[in-house]
Amino acid sequence: MTPKSTGLRVYAYTGCDTCRKALRFLEEHAVPHEVIAIREHPPSRAELKRVLKAIGGDLRKLFNTSGQDYRALGMGAKLPGLSETEAIELLATHGNLVKRPFVVSPEGGWVGFRPEAWTERLAELR
């Protein structure tokens, strides 16, 4: 029996330990997925909006708040004043600002990696 495709698109960065752990998790659990280099090909505006809705509308959760680019651009001070449109545009053009791994699924998506949460979400997809 062939496993059902999960339709997962995983935006990741090869230099990110958390991304490597997440991708290894997917491989170990035989979850079909497509990997996209987040720095070179950031998520589209539509994907960012889709995941934003899935995570409850908290724009801050889409940002890699511990990243060098976030700090260098002073995003901690700027983010509260950005509109949703401005924030989405910034993320869609600066992959380093996006929280990773960034996952787009048929049901919406999620950001970051916590094995317990991924196990639950993937069970819902199968």
PDB file of N, CA and C in Angstrom:
ATOM      1  N   MET A   1       0.846  -1.179   0.000  1.00  0.00           N
ATOM      2  CA  MET A   1       0.000   0.000   0.000  1.00  0.00           C
ATOM      3  C   MET A   1       0.890   1.240   0.000  1.00  0.00           C
ATOM      4  N   THR A   2       0.643   2.163  -0.902  1.00  0.00           N
ATOM      5  CA  THR A   2       1.414   3.396  -1.007  1.00  0.00           C
ATOM      6  C   THR A   2       0.892   4.410  -0.002  1.00  0.00           C
ATOM      7  N   PRO A   3       1.813   5.048   0.764  1.00  0.00           N
ATOM      8  CA  PRO A   3       1.330   6.047   1.717  1.00  0.00           C
ATOM      9  C   PRO A   3       0.726   7.243   0.993  1.00  0.00           C
ATOM     10  N   LYS A   4      -0.279   7.825   1.601  1.00  0.00           N
ATOM     11  CA  LYS A   4      -0.925   9.010   1.046  1.00  0.00           C
ATOM     12  C   LYS A   4       0.067  10.171   1.060  1.00  0.00           C
ATOM     13  N   SER A   5       0.125  10.933  -0.007  1.00  0.00           N
ATOM     14  CA  SER A   5       1.003  12.094  -0.065  1.00  0.00           C
ATOM     15  C   SER A   5       0.527  13.138   0.934  1.00  0.00           C
ATOM     16  N   THR A   6       1.472  13.700   1.665  1.00  0.00           N
ATOM     17  CA  THR A   6       1.107  14.720   2.638  1.00  0.00           C
ATOM     18  C   THR A   6       1.052  16.094   2.008  1.00  0.00           C
ATOM     19  N   GLY A   7       1.665  16.257   0.841  1.00  0.00           N
ATOM     20  CA  GLY A   7       1.664  17.558   0.192  1.00  0.00           C
ATOM     21  C   GLY A   7       2.453  18.610   0.952  1.00  0.00           C
ATOM     22  N   LEU A   8       3.424  18.193   1.761  1.00  0.00           N
ATOM     23  CA  LEU A   8       4.203  19.142   2.553  1.00  0.00           C
ATOM     24  C   LEU A   8       5.287  19.820   1.723  1.00  0.00           C
ATOM     25  N   ARG A   9       5.347  21.132   1.884  1.00  0.00           N
ATOM     26  CA  ARG A   9       6.445  21.929   1.332  1.00  0.00           C
ATOM     27  C   ARG A   9       7.180  22.462   2.549  1.00  0.00           C
ATOM     28  N   VAL A  10       8.456  22.107   2.670  1.00  0.00           N
ATOM     29  CA  VAL A  10       9.239  22.504   3.831  1.00  0.00           C
ATOM     30  C   VAL A  10      10.320  23.479   3.385  1.00  0.00           C
ATOM     31  N   TYR A  11      10.193  24.711   3.837  1.00  0.00           N
ATOM     32  CA  TYR A  11      11.213  25.723   3.576  1.00  0.00           C
ATOM     33  C   TYR A  11      12.245  25.599   4.688  1.00  0.00           C
ATOM     34  N   ALA A  12      13.501  25.389   4.294  1.00  0.00           N
ATOM     35  CA  ALA A  12      14.552  25.140   5.272  1.00  0.00           C
ATOM     36  C   ALA A  12      15.864  25.755   4.806  1.00  0.00           C
ATOM     37  N   TYR A  13      16.807  25.829   5.742  1.00  0.00           N
ATOM     38  CA  TYR A  13      18.154  26.326   5.468  1.00  0.00           C
ATOM     39  C   TYR A  13      19.130  25.243   5.903  1.00  0.00           C
ATOM     40  N   THR A  14      20.031  24.854   4.999  1.00  0.00           N
ATOM     41  CA  THR A  14      20.943  23.750   5.292  1.00  0.00           C
ATOM     42  C   THR A  14      21.874  24.039   6.467  1.00  0.00           C
ATOM     43  N   GLY A  15      22.143  25.308   6.757  1.00  0.00           N
ATOM     44  CA  GLY A  15      23.009  25.667   7.874  1.00  0.00           C
ATOM     45  C   GLY A  15      22.283  25.730   9.207  1.00  0.00           C
ATOM     46  N   CYS A  16      21.012  25.393   9.218  1.00  0.00           N
ATOM     47  CA  CYS A  16      20.182  25.470  10.428  1.00  0.00           C
ATOM     48  C   CYS A  16      20.034  24.085  11.050  1.00  0.00           C
ATOM     49  N   ASP A  17      20.518  23.935  12.269  1.00  0.00           N
ATOM     50  CA  ASP A  17      20.448  22.651  12.963  1.00  0.00           C
ATOM     51  C   ASP A  17      19.001  22.208  13.174  1.00  0.00           C
ATOM     52  N   THR A  18      18.118  23.151  13.509  1.00  0.00           N
ATOM     53  CA  THR A  18      16.706  22.808  13.707  1.00  0.00           C
ATOM     54  C   THR A  18      16.088  22.286  12.414  1.00  0.00           C
ATOM     55  N   CYS A  19      16.440  22.897  11.285  1.00  0.00           N
ATOM     56  CA  CYS A  19      15.926  22.424   9.991  1.00  0.00           C
ATOM     57  C   CYS A  19      16.426  21.015   9.702  1.00  0.00           C
ATOM     58  N   ARG A  20      17.690  20.772   9.969  1.00  0.00           N
ATOM     59  CA  ARG A  20      18.241  19.428   9.733  1.00  0.00           C
ATOM     60  C   ARG A  20      17.526  18.392  10.599  1.00  0.00           C
ATOM     61  N   LYS A  21      17.247  18.725  11.844  1.00  0.00           N
ATOM     62  CA  LYS A  21      16.521  17.809  12.727  1.00  0.00           C
ATOM     63  C   LYS A  21      15.108  17.549  12.199  1.00  0.00           C
ATOM     64  N   ALA A  22      14.449  18.604  11.736  1.00  0.00           N
ATOM     65  CA  ALA A  22      13.082  18.465  11.212  1.00  0.00           C
ATOM     66  C   ALA A  22      13.064  17.594   9.963  1.00  0.00           C
ATOM     67  N   LEU A  23      14.012  17.814   9.062  1.00  0.00           N
ATOM     68  CA  LEU A  23      14.062  17.016   7.828  1.00  0.00           C
ATOM     69  C   LEU A  23      14.413  15.562   8.129  1.00  0.00           C
ATOM     70  N   ARG A  24      15.289  15.351   9.092  1.00  0.00           N
ATOM     71  CA  ARG A  24      15.626  13.983   9.509  1.00  0.00           C
ATOM     72  C   ARG A  24      14.385  13.303  10.110  1.00  0.00           C
ATOM     73  N   PHE A  25      13.605  14.043  10.884  1.00  0.00           N
ATOM     74  CA  PHE A  25      12.366  13.544  11.461  1.00  0.00           C
ATOM     75  C   PHE A  25      11.421  13.071  10.360  1.00  0.00           C
ATOM     76  N   LEU A  26      11.255  13.884   9.324  1.00  0.00           N
ATOM     77  CA  LEU A  26      10.371  13.518   8.213  1.00  0.00           C
ATOM     78  C   LEU A  26      10.867  12.266   7.500  1.00  0.00           C
ATOM     79  N   GLU A  27      12.172  12.183   7.284  1.00  0.00           N
ATOM     80  CA  GLU A  27      12.754  10.998   6.639  1.00  0.00           C
ATOM     81  C   GLU A  27      12.540   9.749   7.503  1.00  0.00           C
ATOM     82  N   GLU A  28      12.807   9.865   8.797  1.00  0.00           N
ATOM     83  CA  GLU A  28      12.663   8.727   9.709  1.00  0.00           C
ATOM     84  C   GLU A  28      11.218   8.242   9.795  1.00  0.00           C
ATOM     85  N   HIS A  29      10.274   9.153   9.584  1.00  0.00           N
ATOM     86  CA  HIS A  29       8.851   8.792   9.637  1.00  0.00           C
ATOM     87  C   HIS A  29       8.262   8.573   8.246  1.00  0.00           C
ATOM     88  N   ALA A  30       9.134   8.505   7.244  1.00  0.00           N
ATOM     89  CA  ALA A  30       8.732   8.244   5.850  1.00  0.00           C
ATOM     90  C   ALA A  30       7.608   9.174   5.379  1.00  0.00           C
ATOM     91  N   VAL A  31       7.760  10.456   5.687  1.00  0.00           N
ATOM     92  CA  VAL A  31       6.765  11.451   5.293  1.00  0.00           C
ATOM     93  C   VAL A  31       7.226  12.119   3.993  1.00  0.00           C
ATOM     94  N   PRO A  32       6.467  11.950   2.918  1.00  0.00           N
ATOM     95  CA  PRO A  32       6.832  12.605   1.666  1.00  0.00           C
ATOM     96  C   PRO A  32       6.783  14.131   1.826  1.00  0.00           C
ATOM     97  N   HIS A  33       7.792  14.783   1.286  1.00  0.00           N
ATOM     98  CA  HIS A  33       7.848  16.235   1.398  1.00  0.00           C
ATOM     99  C   HIS A  33       8.769  16.810   0.333  1.00  0.00           C
ATOM    100  N   GLU A  34       8.576  18.078   0.058  1.00  0.00           N
ATOM    101  CA  GLU A  34       9.424  18.820  -0.861  1.00  0.00           C
ATOM    102  C   GLU A  34      10.216  19.820  -0.022  1.00  0.00           C
ATOM    103  N   VAL A  35      11.523  19.880  -0.224  1.00  0.00           N
ATOM    104  CA  VAL A  35      12.363  20.823   0.513  1.00  0.00           C
ATOM    105  C   VAL A  35      12.711  21.992  -0.405  1.00  0.00           C
ATOM    106  N   ILE A  36      12.566  23.191   0.123  1.00  0.00           N
ATOM    107  CA  ILE A  36      12.850  24.404  -0.638  1.00  0.00           C
ATOM    108  C   ILE A  36      13.845  25.237   0.167  1.00  0.00           C
ATOM    109  N   ALA A  37      14.872  25.723  -0.490  1.00  0.00           N
ATOM    110  CA  ALA A  37      15.886  26.564   0.153  1.00  0.00           C
ATOM    111  C   ALA A  37      15.272  27.920   0.490  1.00  0.00           C
ATOM    112  N   ILE A  38      15.061  28.175   1.759  1.00  0.00           N
ATOM    113  CA  ILE A  38      14.317  29.359   2.205  1.00  0.00           C
ATOM    114  C   ILE A  38      15.047  30.662   1.907  1.00  0.00           C
ATOM    115  N   ARG A  39      16.369  30.653   1.958  1.00  0.00           N
ATOM    116  CA  ARG A  39      17.112  31.888   1.697  1.00  0.00           C
ATOM    117  C   ARG A  39      17.022  32.293   0.229  1.00  0.00           C
ATOM    118  N   GLU A  40      17.102  31.322  -0.645  1.00  0.00           N
ATOM    119  CA  GLU A  40      17.067  31.596  -2.077  1.00  0.00           C
ATOM    120  C   GLU A  40      15.643  31.735  -2.619  1.00  0.00           C
ATOM    121  N   HIS A  41      14.724  31.022  -2.004  1.00  0.00           N
ATOM    122  CA  HIS A  41      13.325  31.005  -2.461  1.00  0.00           C
ATOM    123  C   HIS A  41      12.393  31.134  -1.260  1.00  0.00           C
ATOM    124  N   PRO A  42      12.216  32.343  -0.748  1.00  0.00           N
ATOM    125  CA  PRO A  42      11.319  32.523   0.407  1.00  0.00           C
ATOM    126  C   PRO A  42       9.888  32.094   0.071  1.00  0.00           C
ATOM    127  N   PRO A  43       9.097  31.790   1.084  1.00  0.00           N
ATOM    128  CA  PRO A  43       7.691  31.456   0.839  1.00  0.00           C
ATOM    129  C   PRO A  43       6.990  32.606   0.107  1.00  0.00           C
ATOM    130  N   SER A  44       6.004  32.252  -0.690  1.00  0.00           N
ATOM    131  CA  SER A  44       5.235  33.271  -1.413  1.00  0.00           C
ATOM    132  C   SER A  44       4.342  34.031  -0.438  1.00  0.00           C
ATOM    133  N   ARG A  45       3.839  35.144  -0.892  1.00  0.00           N
ATOM    134  CA  ARG A  45       2.907  35.931  -0.079  1.00  0.00           C
ATOM    135  C   ARG A  45       1.685  35.084   0.284  1.00  0.00           C
ATOM    136  N   ALA A  46       1.183  34.328  -0.689  1.00  0.00           N
ATOM    137  CA  ALA A  46       0.009  33.478  -0.436  1.00  0.00           C
ATOM    138  C   ALA A  46       0.320  32.415   0.621  1.00  0.00           C
ATOM    139  N   GLU A  47       1.495  31.802   0.538  1.00  0.00           N
ATOM    140  CA  GLU A  47       1.866  30.781   1.531  1.00  0.00           C
ATOM    141  C   GLU A  47       2.034  31.409   2.912  1.00  0.00           C
ATOM    142  N   LEU A  48       2.650  32.574   2.970  1.00  0.00           N
ATOM    143  CA  LEU A  48       2.820  33.261   4.251  1.00  0.00           C
ATOM    144  C   LEU A  48       1.462  33.577   4.872  1.00  0.00           C
ATOM    145  N   LYS A  49       0.529  34.059   4.070  1.00  0.00           N
ATOM    146  CA  LYS A  49      -0.814  34.368   4.570  1.00  0.00           C
ATOM    147  C   LYS A  49      -1.536  33.103   5.028  1.00  0.00           C
ATOM    148  N   ARG A  50      -1.359  32.032   4.283  1.00  0.00           N
ATOM    149  CA  ARG A  50      -2.011  30.761   4.619  1.00  0.00           C
ATOM    150  C   ARG A  50      -1.515  30.234   5.970  1.00  0.00           C
ATOM    151  N   VAL A  51      -0.195  30.260   6.159  1.00  0.00           N
ATOM    152  CA  VAL A  51       0.365  29.771   7.427  1.00  0.00           C
ATOM    153  C   VAL A  51       0.028  30.741   8.549  1.00  0.00           C
ATOM    154  N   LEU A  52       0.048  32.033   8.278  1.00  0.00           N
ATOM    155  CA  LEU A  52      -0.323  33.013   9.300  1.00  0.00           C
ATOM    156  C   LEU A  52      -1.727  32.715   9.833  1.00  0.00           C
ATOM    157  N   LYS A  53      -2.651  32.446   8.942  1.00  0.00           N
ATOM    158  CA  LYS A  53      -4.016  32.105   9.358  1.00  0.00           C
ATOM    159  C   LYS A  53      -4.018  30.820  10.186  1.00  0.00           C
ATOM    160  N   ALA A  54      -3.233  29.816   9.760  1.00  0.00           N
ATOM    161  CA  ALA A  54      -3.194  28.524  10.457  1.00  0.00           C
ATOM    162  C   ALA A  54      -2.610  28.630  11.863  1.00  0.00           C
ATOM    163  N   ILE A  55      -1.725  29.603  12.082  1.00  0.00           N
ATOM    164  CA  ILE A  55      -1.104  29.743  13.404  1.00  0.00           C
ATOM    165  C   ILE A  55      -1.793  30.797  14.268  1.00  0.00           C
ATOM    166  N   GLY A  56      -2.971  31.228  13.835  1.00  0.00           N
ATOM    167  CA  GLY A  56      -3.766  32.122  14.666  1.00  0.00           C
ATOM    168  C   GLY A  56      -3.557  33.611  14.441  1.00  0.00           C
ATOM    169  N   GLY A  57      -2.858  33.981  13.373  1.00  0.00           N
ATOM    170  CA  GLY A  57      -2.736  35.394  13.025  1.00  0.00           C
ATOM    171  C   GLY A  57      -1.641  36.178  13.723  1.00  0.00           C
ATOM    172  N   ASP A  58      -0.780  35.524  14.479  1.00  0.00           N
ATOM    173  CA  ASP A  58       0.299  36.223  15.190  1.00  0.00           C
ATOM    174  C   ASP A  58       1.501  36.402  14.256  1.00  0.00           C
ATOM    175  N   LEU A  59       1.640  37.602  13.691  1.00  0.00           N
ATOM    176  CA  LEU A  59       2.724  37.882  12.742  1.00  0.00           C
ATOM    177  C   LEU A  59       4.104  37.580  13.312  1.00  0.00           C
ATOM    178  N   ARG A  60       4.312  37.870  14.572  1.00  0.00           N
ATOM    179  CA  ARG A  60       5.627  37.670  15.193  1.00  0.00           C
ATOM    180  C   ARG A  60       6.094  36.217  15.064  1.00  0.00           C
ATOM    181  N   LYS A  61       5.145  35.279  15.088  1.00  0.00           N
ATOM    182  CA  LYS A  61       5.496  33.864  14.996  1.00  0.00           C
ATOM    183  C   LYS A  61       6.063  33.482  13.633  1.00  0.00           C
ATOM    184  N   LEU A  62       5.853  34.309  12.618  1.00  0.00           N
ATOM    185  CA  LEU A  62       6.412  34.033  11.293  1.00  0.00           C
ATOM    186  C   LEU A  62       7.866  34.474  11.183  1.00  0.00           C
ATOM    187  N   PHE A  63       8.319  35.286  12.120  1.00  0.00           N
ATOM    188  CA  PHE A  63       9.672  35.849  12.052  1.00  0.00           C
ATOM    189  C   PHE A  63      10.690  35.023  12.837  1.00  0.00           C
ATOM    190  N   ASN A  64      11.880  34.924  12.261  1.00  0.00           N
ATOM    191  CA  ASN A  64      13.017  34.280  12.916  1.00  0.00           C
ATOM    192  C   ASN A  64      13.622  35.320  13.864  1.00  0.00           C
ATOM    193  N   THR A  65      13.027  35.443  15.034  1.00  0.00           N
ATOM    194  CA  THR A  65      13.406  36.507  15.973  1.00  0.00           C
ATOM    195  C   THR A  65      14.797  36.334  16.567  1.00  0.00           C
ATOM    196  N   SER A  66      15.386  35.165  16.421  1.00  0.00           N
ATOM    197  CA  SER A  66      16.744  34.961  16.946  1.00  0.00           C
ATOM    198  C   SER A  66      17.805  35.093  15.857  1.00  0.00           C
ATOM    199  N   GLY A  67      17.382  35.423  14.645  1.00  0.00           N
ATOM    200  CA  GLY A  67      18.316  35.515  13.532  1.00  0.00           C
ATOM    201  C   GLY A  67      19.094  36.818  13.490  1.00  0.00           C
ATOM    202  N   GLN A  68      20.249  36.768  12.851  1.00  0.00           N
ATOM    203  CA  GLN A  68      21.104  37.946  12.712  1.00  0.00           C
ATOM    204  C   GLN A  68      20.424  39.041  11.900  1.00  0.00           C
ATOM    205  N   ASP A  69      19.743  38.675  10.837  1.00  0.00           N
ATOM    206  CA  ASP A  69      19.074  39.670  10.003  1.00  0.00           C
ATOM    207  C   ASP A  69      17.978  40.394  10.789  1.00  0.00           C
ATOM    208  N   TYR A  70      17.254  39.672  11.602  1.00  0.00           N
ATOM    209  CA  TYR A  70      16.193  40.255  12.427  1.00  0.00           C
ATOM    210  C   TYR A  70      16.788  41.342  13.327  1.00  0.00           C
ATOM    211  N   ARG A  71      17.908  41.007  13.961  1.00  0.00           N
ATOM    212  CA  ARG A  71      18.565  41.971  14.855  1.00  0.00           C
ATOM    213  C   ARG A  71      19.184  43.123  14.069  1.00  0.00           C
ATOM    214  N   ALA A  72      19.869  42.799  12.966  1.00  0.00           N
ATOM    215  CA  ALA A  72      20.538  43.835  12.172  1.00  0.00           C
ATOM    216  C   ALA A  72      19.555  44.865  11.616  1.00  0.00           C
ATOM    217  N   LEU A  73      18.363  44.413  11.265  1.00  0.00           N
ATOM    218  CA  LEU A  73      17.347  45.322  10.720  1.00  0.00           C
ATOM    219  C   LEU A  73      16.520  46.009  11.809  1.00  0.00           C
ATOM    220  N   GLY A  74      16.800  45.693  13.073  1.00  0.00           N
ATOM    221  CA  GLY A  74      16.059  46.301  14.176  1.00  0.00           C
ATOM    222  C   GLY A  74      14.591  45.925  14.173  1.00  0.00           C
ATOM    223  N   MET A  75      14.308  44.684  13.752  1.00  0.00           N
ATOM    224  CA  MET A  75      12.914  44.257  13.603  1.00  0.00           C
ATOM    225  C   MET A  75      12.160  44.208  14.925  1.00  0.00           C
ATOM    226  N   GLY A  76      12.852  44.004  16.030  1.00  0.00           N
ATOM    227  CA  GLY A  76      12.175  43.973  17.323  1.00  0.00           C
ATOM    228  C   GLY A  76      11.400  45.257  17.570  1.00  0.00           C
ATOM    229  N   ALA A  77      11.997  46.385  17.171  1.00  0.00           N
ATOM    230  CA  ALA A  77      11.348  47.679  17.343  1.00  0.00           C
ATOM    231  C   ALA A  77      10.380  47.993  16.196  1.00  0.00           C
ATOM    232  N   LYS A  78      10.696  47.514  14.991  1.00  0.00           N
ATOM    233  CA  LYS A  78       9.888  47.844  13.812  1.00  0.00           C
ATOM    234  C   LYS A  78       8.622  46.991  13.671  1.00  0.00           C
ATOM    235  N   LEU A  79       8.718  45.715  14.055  1.00  0.00           N
ATOM    236  CA  LEU A  79       7.618  44.785  13.810  1.00  0.00           C
ATOM    237  C   LEU A  79       6.273  45.244  14.378  1.00  0.00           C
ATOM    238  N   PRO A  80       6.219  45.760  15.612  1.00  0.00           N
ATOM    239  CA  PRO A  80       4.909  46.174  16.130  1.00  0.00           C
ATOM    240  C   PRO A  80       4.221  47.250  15.292  1.00  0.00           C
ATOM    241  N   GLY A  81       4.980  48.044  14.540  1.00  0.00           N
ATOM    242  CA  GLY A  81       4.396  49.106  13.739  1.00  0.00           C
ATOM    243  C   GLY A  81       4.077  48.727  12.304  1.00  0.00           C
ATOM    244  N   LEU A  82       4.425  47.499  11.907  1.00  0.00           N
ATOM    245  CA  LEU A  82       4.174  47.060  10.533  1.00  0.00           C
ATOM    246  C   LEU A  82       2.748  46.553  10.360  1.00  0.00           C
ATOM    247  N   SER A  83       2.174  46.862   9.221  1.00  0.00           N
ATOM    248  CA  SER A  83       0.881  46.284   8.882  1.00  0.00           C
ATOM    249  C   SER A  83       1.120  44.836   8.464  1.00  0.00           C
ATOM    250  N   GLU A  84       0.061  44.053   8.392  1.00  0.00           N
ATOM    251  CA  GLU A  84       0.187  42.674   7.932  1.00  0.00           C
ATOM    252  C   GLU A  84       0.761  42.644   6.516  1.00  0.00           C
ATOM    253  N   THR A  85       0.301  43.526   5.658  1.00  0.00           N
ATOM    254  CA  THR A  85       0.772  43.582   4.276  1.00  0.00           C
ATOM    255  C   THR A  85       2.268  43.888   4.220  1.00  0.00           C
ATOM    256  N   GLU A  86       2.720  44.845   5.027  1.00  0.00           N
ATOM    257  CA  GLU A  86       4.144  45.206   5.056  1.00  0.00           C
ATOM    258  C   GLU A  86       4.989  44.048   5.573  1.00  0.00           C
ATOM    259  N   ALA A  87       4.519  43.384   6.619  1.00  0.00           N
ATOM    260  CA  ALA A  87       5.261  42.261   7.195  1.00  0.00           C
ATOM    261  C   ALA A  87       5.347  41.104   6.202  1.00  0.00           C
ATOM    262  N   ILE A  88       4.250  40.786   5.544  1.00  0.00           N
ATOM    263  CA  ILE A  88       4.230  39.696   4.559  1.00  0.00           C
ATOM    264  C   ILE A  88       5.185  40.020   3.412  1.00  0.00           C
ATOM    265  N   GLU A  89       5.170  41.253   2.940  1.00  0.00           N
ATOM    266  CA  GLU A  89       6.072  41.666   1.857  1.00  0.00           C
ATOM    267  C   GLU A  89       7.534  41.512   2.276  1.00  0.00           C
ATOM    268  N   LEU A  90       7.849  41.919   3.479  1.00  0.00           N
ATOM    269  CA  LEU A  90       9.214  41.806   3.994  1.00  0.00           C
ATOM    270  C   LEU A  90       9.648  40.340   4.062  1.00  0.00           C
ATOM    271  N   LEU A  91       8.793  39.481   4.574  1.00  0.00           N
ATOM    272  CA  LEU A  91       9.109  38.055   4.683  1.00  0.00           C
ATOM    273  C   LEU A  91       9.229  37.401   3.309  1.00  0.00           C
ATOM    274  N   ALA A  92       8.375  37.796   2.383  1.00  0.00           N
ATOM    275  CA  ALA A  92       8.380  37.195   1.046  1.00  0.00           C
ATOM    276  C   ALA A  92       9.624  37.581   0.241  1.00  0.00           C
ATOM    277  N   THR A  93      10.325  38.616   0.683  1.00  0.00           N
ATOM    278  CA  THR A  93      11.520  39.060  -0.040  1.00  0.00           C
ATOM    279  C   THR A  93      12.813  38.864   0.743  1.00  0.00           C
ATOM    280  N   HIS A  94      12.721  38.413   1.991  1.00  0.00           N
ATOM    281  CA  HIS A  94      13.896  38.184   2.835  1.00  0.00           C
ATOM    282  C   HIS A  94      13.752  36.847   3.567  1.00  0.00           C
ATOM    283  N   GLY A  95      14.158  35.774   2.908  1.00  0.00           N
ATOM    284  CA  GLY A  95      14.007  34.438   3.476  1.00  0.00           C
ATOM    285  C   GLY A  95      14.654  34.249   4.834  1.00  0.00           C
ATOM    286  N   ASN A  96      15.735  34.990   5.115  1.00  0.00           N
ATOM    287  CA  ASN A  96      16.399  34.850   6.412  1.00  0.00           C
ATOM    288  C   ASN A  96      15.541  35.352   7.568  1.00  0.00           C
ATOM    289  N   LEU A  97      14.545  36.151   7.270  1.00  0.00           N
ATOM    290  CA  LEU A  97      13.674  36.667   8.326  1.00  0.00           C
ATOM    291  C   LEU A  97      12.569  35.683   8.711  1.00  0.00           C
ATOM    292  N   VAL A  98      12.346  34.671   7.896  1.00  0.00           N
ATOM    293  CA  VAL A  98      11.241  33.731   8.118  1.00  0.00           C
ATOM    294  C   VAL A  98      11.646  32.666   9.128  1.00  0.00           C
ATOM    295  N   LYS A  99      10.776  32.434  10.092  1.00  0.00           N
ATOM    296  CA  LYS A  99      10.989  31.361  11.079  1.00  0.00           C
ATOM    297  C   LYS A  99      11.075  30.038  10.339  1.00  0.00           C
ATOM    298  N   ARG A 100      12.037  29.236  10.713  1.00  0.00           N
ATOM    299  CA  ARG A 100      12.226  27.964  10.022  1.00  0.00           C
ATOM    300  C   ARG A 100      12.328  26.812  11.005  1.00  0.00           C
ATOM    301  N   PRO A 101      12.022  25.636  10.514  1.00  0.00           N
ATOM    302  CA  PRO A 101      11.457  25.375   9.207  1.00  0.00           C
ATOM    303  C   PRO A 101      10.053  25.952   9.087  1.00  0.00           C
ATOM    304  N   PHE A 102       9.722  26.330   7.872  1.00  0.00           N
ATOM    305  CA  PHE A 102       8.425  26.899   7.539  1.00  0.00           C
ATOM    306  C   PHE A 102       7.723  25.856   6.695  1.00  0.00           C
ATOM    307  N   VAL A 103       6.601  25.339   7.187  1.00  0.00           N
ATOM    308  CA  VAL A 103       5.931  24.212   6.535  1.00  0.00           C
ATOM    309  C   VAL A 103       4.564  24.632   6.003  1.00  0.00           C
ATOM    310  N   VAL A 104       4.355  24.346   4.731  1.00  0.00           N
ATOM    311  CA  VAL A 104       3.054  24.579   4.111  1.00  0.00           C
ATOM    312  C   VAL A 104       2.430  23.207   3.875  1.00  0.00           C
ATOM    313  N   SER A 105       1.229  23.022   4.414  1.00  0.00           N
ATOM    314  CA  SER A 105       0.528  21.748   4.276  1.00  0.00           C
ATOM    315  C   SER A 105      -0.821  21.992   3.605  1.00  0.00           C
ATOM    316  N   PRO A 106      -1.497  20.918   3.192  1.00  0.00           N
ATOM    317  CA  PRO A 106      -2.825  21.092   2.590  1.00  0.00           C
ATOM    318  C   PRO A 106      -3.814  21.810   3.520  1.00  0.00           C
ATOM    319  N   GLU A 107      -3.640  21.637   4.827  1.00  0.00           N
ATOM    320  CA  GLU A 107      -4.557  22.242   5.794  1.00  0.00           C
ATOM    321  C   GLU A 107      -4.121  23.628   6.237  1.00  0.00           C
ATOM    322  N   GLY A 108      -2.948  24.070   5.850  1.00  0.00           N
ATOM    323  CA  GLY A 108      -2.459  25.388   6.275  1.00  0.00           C
ATOM    324  C   GLY A 108      -0.963  25.396   6.427  1.00  0.00           C
ATOM    325  N   GLY A 109      -0.499  24.959   7.585  1.00  0.00           N
ATOM    326  CA  GLY A 109       0.936  24.886   7.818  1.00  0.00           C
ATOM    327  C   GLY A 109       1.315  25.267   9.233  1.00  0.00           C
ATOM    328  N   TRP A 110       2.626  25.327   9.471  1.00  0.00           N
ATOM    329  CA  TRP A 110       3.153  25.661  10.784  1.00  0.00           C
ATOM    330  C   TRP A 110       4.599  26.099  10.645  1.00  0.00           C
ATOM    331  N   VAL A 111       5.164  26.617  11.741  1.00  0.00           N
ATOM    332  CA  VAL A 111       6.555  27.070  11.759  1.00  0.00           C
ATOM    333  C   VAL A 111       7.277  26.460  12.957  1.00  0.00           C
ATOM    334  N   GLY A 112       8.606  26.354  12.817  1.00  0.00           N
ATOM    335  CA  GLY A 112       9.417  25.806  13.894  1.00  0.00           C
ATOM    336  C   GLY A 112       9.346  24.289  13.937  1.00  0.00           C
ATOM    337  N   PHE A 113      10.135  23.715  14.854  1.00  0.00           N
ATOM    338  CA  PHE A 113      10.155  22.259  14.972  1.00  0.00           C
ATOM    339  C   PHE A 113      10.105  21.832  16.429  1.00  0.00           C
ATOM    340  N   ARG A 114       9.043  21.117  16.751  1.00  0.00           N
ATOM    341  CA  ARG A 114       8.902  20.420  18.026  1.00  0.00           C
ATOM    342  C   ARG A 114       8.395  19.030  17.669  1.00  0.00           C
ATOM    343  N   PRO A 115       9.177  17.978  17.919  1.00  0.00           N
ATOM    344  CA  PRO A 115       8.794  16.630  17.492  1.00  0.00           C
ATOM    345  C   PRO A 115       7.387  16.224  17.908  1.00  0.00           C
ATOM    346  N   GLU A 116       6.977  16.552  19.134  1.00  0.00           N
ATOM    347  CA  GLU A 116       5.643  16.149  19.602  1.00  0.00           C
ATOM    348  C   GLU A 116       4.554  16.803  18.760  1.00  0.00           C
ATOM    349  N   ALA A 117       4.718  18.087  18.497  1.00  0.00           N
ATOM    350  CA  ALA A 117       3.717  18.810  17.703  1.00  0.00           C
ATOM    351  C   ALA A 117       3.694  18.291  16.266  1.00  0.00           C
ATOM    352  N   TRP A 118       4.869  18.006  15.710  1.00  0.00           N
ATOM    353  CA  TRP A 118       4.922  17.487  14.338  1.00  0.00           C
ATOM    354  C   TRP A 118       4.264  16.117  14.259  1.00  0.00           C
ATOM    355  N   THR A 119       4.451  15.283  15.259  1.00  0.00           N
ATOM    356  CA  THR A 119       3.834  13.962  15.272  1.00  0.00           C
ATOM    357  C   THR A 119       2.316  14.103  15.203  1.00  0.00           C
ATOM    358  N   GLU A 120       1.763  15.022  15.988  1.00  0.00           N
ATOM    359  CA  GLU A 120       0.314  15.252  15.992  1.00  0.00           C
ATOM    360  C   GLU A 120      -0.172  15.773  14.647  1.00  0.00           C
ATOM    361  N   ARG A 121       0.515  16.756  14.115  1.00  0.00           N
ATOM    362  CA  ARG A 121       0.084  17.353  12.842  1.00  0.00           C
ATOM    363  C   ARG A 121       0.160  16.343  11.706  1.00  0.00           C
ATOM    364  N   LEU A 122       1.222  15.566  11.680  1.00  0.00           N
ATOM    365  CA  LEU A 122       1.386  14.582  10.597  1.00  0.00           C
ATOM    366  C   LEU A 122       0.353  13.466  10.709  1.00  0.00           C
ATOM    367  N   ALA A 123      -0.030  13.108  11.915  1.00  0.00           N
ATOM    368  CA  ALA A 123      -1.068  12.083  12.095  1.00  0.00           C
ATOM    369  C   ALA A 123      -2.385  12.569  11.490  1.00  0.00           C
ATOM    370  N   GLU A 124      -2.645  13.858  11.599  1.00  0.00           N
ATOM    371  CA  GLU A 124      -3.864  14.422  11.025  1.00  0.00           C
ATOM    372  C   GLU A 124      -3.844  14.393   9.494  1.00  0.00           C
ATOM    373  N   LEU A 125      -2.651  14.428   8.902  1.00  0.00           N
ATOM    374  CA  LEU A 125      -2.520  14.459   7.446  1.00  0.00           C
ATOM    375  C   LEU A 125      -2.629  13.086   6.804  1.00  0.00           C
ATOM    376  N   ARG A 126      -2.382  12.047   7.568  1.00  0.00           N
ATOM    377  CA  ARG A 126      -2.343  10.692   6.999  1.00  0.00           C
ATOM    378  C   ARG A 126      -3.691  10.062   6.914  1.00  0.00           C
TER     379      ARG A 126
END
